[in-house]
C-alpha atoms as a PDB file:
ATOM      1  CA  MET A   1       3.610 118.653  21.890  1.00  0.00           C
ATOM      2  CA  THR A   2       3.708 115.891  19.311  1.00  0.00           C
ATOM      3  CA  ALA A   3       1.867 112.775  20.407  1.00  0.00           C
ATOM      4  CA  TRP A   4       1.801 109.397  18.678  1.00  0.00           C
ATOM      5  CA  LEU A   5      -0.556 106.475  19.106  1.00  0.00           C
ATOM      6  CA  VAL A   6       1.161 103.198  18.223  1.00  0.00           C
ATOM      7  CA  LEU A   7      -0.278  99.773  17.429  1.00  0.00           C
ATOM      8  CA  ASN A   8       2.419  97.220  16.593  1.00  0.00           C
ATOM      9  CA  GLY A   9       2.166  93.677  15.352  1.00  0.00           C
ATOM     10  CA  LEU A  10      -1.551  93.492  14.659  1.00  0.00           C
ATOM     11  CA  ARG A  11      -2.060  90.010  13.224  1.00  0.00           C
ATOM     12  CA  PHE A  12      -4.674  89.024  10.695  1.00  0.00           C
ATOM     13  CA  PHE A  13      -5.517  86.071   8.493  1.00  0.00           C
ATOM     14  CA  ALA A  14      -6.645  87.565   5.190  1.00  0.00           C
ATOM     15  CA  ARG A  15      -7.006  86.816   1.493  1.00  0.00           C
ATOM     16  CA  HIS A  16      -4.838  89.360  -0.292  1.00  0.00           C
ATOM     17  CA  GLY A  17      -2.648  88.562  -3.287  1.00  0.00           C
ATOM     18  CA  VAL A  18      -2.253  88.881  -7.010  1.00  0.00           C
ATOM     19  CA  GLY A  19      -2.634  85.149  -7.547  1.00  0.00           C
ATOM     20  CA  GLU A  20      -6.104  83.620  -7.355  1.00  0.00           C
ATOM     21  CA  GLN A  21      -4.726  80.855  -5.115  1.00  0.00           C
ATOM     22  CA  GLU A  22      -3.496  83.462  -2.600  1.00  0.00           C
ATOM     23  CA  ARG A  23      -6.968  84.936  -2.338  1.00  0.00           C
ATOM     24  CA  LEU A  24      -8.491  81.456  -2.054  1.00  0.00           C
ATOM     25  CA  VAL A  25      -6.128  79.999   0.561  1.00  0.00           C
ATOM     26  CA  GLY A  26      -5.214  83.192   2.422  1.00  0.00           C
ATOM     27  CA  ASN A  27      -2.157  84.058   4.462  1.00  0.00           C
ATOM     28  CA  GLU A  28      -1.008  85.705   7.654  1.00  0.00           C
ATOM     29  CA  PHE A  29      -0.480  89.474   7.655  1.00  0.00           C
ATOM     30  CA  THR A  30       0.844  91.982  10.163  1.00  0.00           C
ATOM     31  CA  VAL A  31       0.052  95.669  10.462  1.00  0.00           C
ATOM     32  CA  ASP A  32       2.099  98.260  12.345  1.00  0.00           C
ATOM     33  CA  LEU A  33       0.574 101.702  12.817  1.00  0.00           C
ATOM     34  CA  ARG A  34       2.021 104.948  14.100  1.00  0.00           C
ATOM     35  CA  MET A  35      -0.471 107.813  14.161  1.00  0.00           C
ATOM     36  CA  GLU A  36       0.150 111.401  15.151  1.00  0.00           C
ATOM     37  CA  VAL A  37      -2.892 112.255  17.209  1.00  0.00           C
ATOM     38  CA  GLY A  38      -4.045 115.424  18.931  1.00  0.00           C
ATOM     39  CA  TRP A  39      -4.216 113.810  22.354  1.00  0.00           C
ATOM     40  CA  ALA A  40      -2.280 116.352  24.408  1.00  0.00           C
ATOM     41  CA  ARG A  41      -5.449 117.178  26.353  1.00  0.00           C
ATOM     42  CA  ALA A  42      -5.763 113.536  27.492  1.00  0.00           C
ATOM     43  CA  VAL A  43      -2.469 113.932  29.367  1.00  0.00           C
ATOM     44  CA  TYR A  44      -4.360 116.226  31.763  1.00  0.00           C
ATOM     45  CA  THR A  45      -7.903 114.830  31.700  1.00  0.00           C
ATOM     46  CA  ASP A  46      -7.475 111.036  31.813  1.00  0.00           C
ATOM     47  CA  ASN A  47     -10.514 110.881  29.522  1.00  0.00           C
ATOM     48  CA  VAL A  48     -10.656 108.591  26.467  1.00  0.00           C
ATOM     49  CA  ALA A  49     -12.834 111.196  24.720  1.00  0.00           C
ATOM     50  CA  ASP A  50      -9.706 113.394  24.502  1.00  0.00           C
ATOM     51  CA  THR A  51      -7.748 110.875  22.447  1.00  0.00           C
ATOM     52  CA  VAL A  52      -8.299 108.185  19.822  1.00  0.00           C
ATOM     53  CA  ASN A  53      -9.476 104.871  21.230  1.00  0.00           C
ATOM     54  CA  TYR A  54      -7.024 102.314  19.878  1.00  0.00           C
ATOM     55  CA  ALA A  55      -9.648  99.558  20.166  1.00  0.00           C
ATOM     56  CA  ASP A  56     -11.759 101.498  17.642  1.00  0.00           C
ATOM     57  CA  VAL A  57      -8.707 101.902  15.374  1.00  0.00           C
ATOM     58  CA  TYR A  58      -8.130  98.140  15.562  1.00  0.00           C
ATOM     59  CA  GLU A  59     -11.737  97.424  14.538  1.00  0.00           C
ATOM     60  CA  ALA A  60     -11.406  99.748  11.520  1.00  0.00           C
ATOM     61  CA  VAL A  61      -8.169  98.048  10.411  1.00  0.00           C
ATOM     62  CA  LYS A  62      -9.704  94.608  10.981  1.00  0.00           C
ATOM     63  CA  ALA A  63     -12.688  95.496   8.776  1.00  0.00           C
ATOM     64  CA  GLU A  64     -10.427  96.633   5.905  1.00  0.00           C
ATOM     65  CA  MET A  65      -8.184  93.573   6.226  1.00  0.00           C
ATOM     66  CA  ALA A  66     -11.267  91.358   5.806  1.00  0.00           C
ATOM     67  CA  VAL A  67     -11.893  92.689   2.271  1.00  0.00           C
ATOM     68  CA  PRO A  68      -9.898  90.552  -0.233  1.00  0.00           C
ATOM     69  CA  SER A  69      -7.672  92.585  -2.538  1.00  0.00           C
ATOM     70  CA  LYS A  70      -4.923  91.905  -5.040  1.00  0.00           C
ATOM     71  CA  LEU A  71      -2.428  94.552  -3.920  1.00  0.00           C
ATOM     72  CA  LEU A  72      -1.128  95.361  -0.453  1.00  0.00           C
ATOM     73  CA  GLU A  73      -0.754  98.940  -1.657  1.00  0.00           C
ATOM     74  CA  TYR A  74      -4.509  99.079  -2.191  1.00  0.00           C
ATOM     75  CA  VAL A  75      -5.249  97.620   1.249  1.00  0.00           C
ATOM     76  CA  ALA A  76      -2.870 100.109   2.897  1.00  0.00           C
ATOM     77  CA  GLY A  77      -4.563 102.981   1.061  1.00  0.00           C
ATOM     78  CA  ARG A  78      -8.005 101.841   2.168  1.00  0.00           C
ATOM     79  CA  ILE A  79      -6.888 101.597   5.784  1.00  0.00           C
ATOM     80  CA  VAL A  80      -5.406 105.115   5.723  1.00  0.00           C
ATOM     81  CA  LYS A  81      -8.513 106.525   4.074  1.00  0.00           C
ATOM     82  CA  ARG A  82     -10.818 104.927   6.636  1.00  0.00           C
ATOM     83  CA  LEU A  83      -8.728 106.081   9.597  1.00  0.00           C
ATOM     84  CA  PHE A  84      -8.612 109.687   8.371  1.00  0.00           C
ATOM     85  CA  LEU A  85     -12.364 109.684   7.747  1.00  0.00           C
ATOM     86  CA  GLU A  86     -13.365 108.052  11.051  1.00  0.00           C
ATOM     87  CA  PHE A  87     -10.870 109.782  13.350  1.00  0.00           C
ATOM     88  CA  PRO A  88     -10.588 113.540  12.707  1.00  0.00           C
ATOM     89  CA  SER A  89      -7.892 114.027  15.349  1.00  0.00           C
ATOM     90  CA  ILE A  90      -5.398 111.818  13.470  1.00  0.00           C
ATOM     91  CA  ASN A  91      -2.954 114.176  11.739  1.00  0.00           C
ATOM     92  CA  CYS A  92      -0.466 111.723  10.243  1.00  0.00           C
ATOM     93  CA  ILE A  93      -0.340 107.967   9.661  1.00  0.00           C
ATOM     94  CA  GLU A  94       2.645 105.701   9.194  1.00  0.00           C
ATOM     95  CA  LEU A  95       1.463 102.227   8.225  1.00  0.00           C
ATOM     96  CA  LYS A  96       3.426  99.069   7.534  1.00  0.00           C
ATOM     97  CA  LEU A  97       1.551  96.087   6.071  1.00  0.00           C
ATOM     98  CA  SER A  98       3.412  92.789   5.689  1.00  0.00           C
ATOM     99  CA  LYS A  99       2.505  89.414   4.190  1.00  0.00           C
ATOM    100  CA  ARG A 100       4.162  86.557   6.045  1.00  0.00           C
ATOM    101  CA  ASN A 101       5.794  83.833   3.932  1.00  0.00           C
ATOM    102  CA  PRO A 102       4.855  85.273   0.533  1.00  0.00           C
ATOM    103  CA  PRO A 103       4.589  82.641  -2.224  1.00  0.00           C
ATOM    104  CA  MET A 104       7.664  83.639  -4.202  1.00  0.00           C
ATOM    105  CA  GLY A 105      10.159  80.883  -3.494  1.00  0.00           C
ATOM    106  CA  ALA A 106      12.377  83.059  -1.299  1.00  0.00           C
ATOM    107  CA  ASP A 107      13.586  82.295   2.215  1.00  0.00           C
ATOM    108  CA  MET A 108      12.153  85.331   3.957  1.00  0.00           C
ATOM    109  CA  GLU A 109       9.952  86.305   6.865  1.00  0.00           C
ATOM    110  CA  ALA A 110       7.666  88.791   5.097  1.00  0.00           C
ATOM    111  CA  ALA A 111       7.189  91.177   2.208  1.00  0.00           C
ATOM    112  CA  GLY A 112       5.149  94.330   2.416  1.00  0.00           C
ATOM    113  CA  VAL A 113       4.542  98.016   1.955  1.00  0.00           C
ATOM    114  CA  GLU A 114       4.879 101.160   4.031  1.00  0.00           C
ATOM    115  CA  LEU A 115       2.740 104.243   3.641  1.00  0.00           C
ATOM    116  CA  HIS A 116       3.394 107.588   5.310  1.00  0.00           C
ATOM    117  CA  CYS A 117       0.648 110.174   4.829  1.00  0.00           C
ATOM    118  CA  ASN A 118      -0.517 113.294   6.603  1.00  0.00           C
ATOM    119  CA  ARG A 119      -4.066 114.598   6.661  1.00  0.00           C
ATOM    120  CA  GLN A 120      -3.126 117.646   4.580  1.00  0.00           C
ATOM    121  CA  GLU A 121      -1.873 115.421   1.725  1.00  0.00           C
ATOM    122  CA  PHE A 122      -4.967 113.279   2.027  1.00  0.00           C
ATOM    123  CA  THR A 123      -7.474 116.149   1.962  1.00  0.00           C
ATOM    124  CA  ALA A 124      -5.563 117.905  -0.842  1.00  0.00           C
ATOM    125  CA  GLY A 125      -6.044 114.841  -3.004  1.00  0.00           C
ATOM    126  CA  VAL A 126      -2.348 113.935  -3.146  1.00  0.00           C
ATOM    127  CA  VAL A 127      -3.316 110.547  -1.800  1.00  0.00           C
ATOM    128  CA  ARG A 128      -6.214 109.149  -3.789  1.00  0.00           C
ATOM    129  CA  VAL A 129      -7.685 105.868  -2.667  1.00  0.00           C
END
């Protein structure tokens, strides 16, 4: 059985951006997460100990979003690293991080990055963050 834990549309006010003004003023960001988790046992036990508590995942993402950074790629990498380290039952992470209304003079909703990484790539050093 393949099981996914999904958190969509997490909203944060944060100070990420290449420009100093972006880090000073801040902006709105959204995070979408899809994590392959070994929670098949929880289907039978109804016990949160047999899955990943999504409230704990949210707190980890929130903590990383609070650290100002220049690149969204860097923030995404830090989030993935933290989730793999704190939650051993996460096997794969698909993360989308978007900056709403980026300061680039374009009429657009958001710009962002997507990162897809499995634990094997992470522990093998393919993903270095």
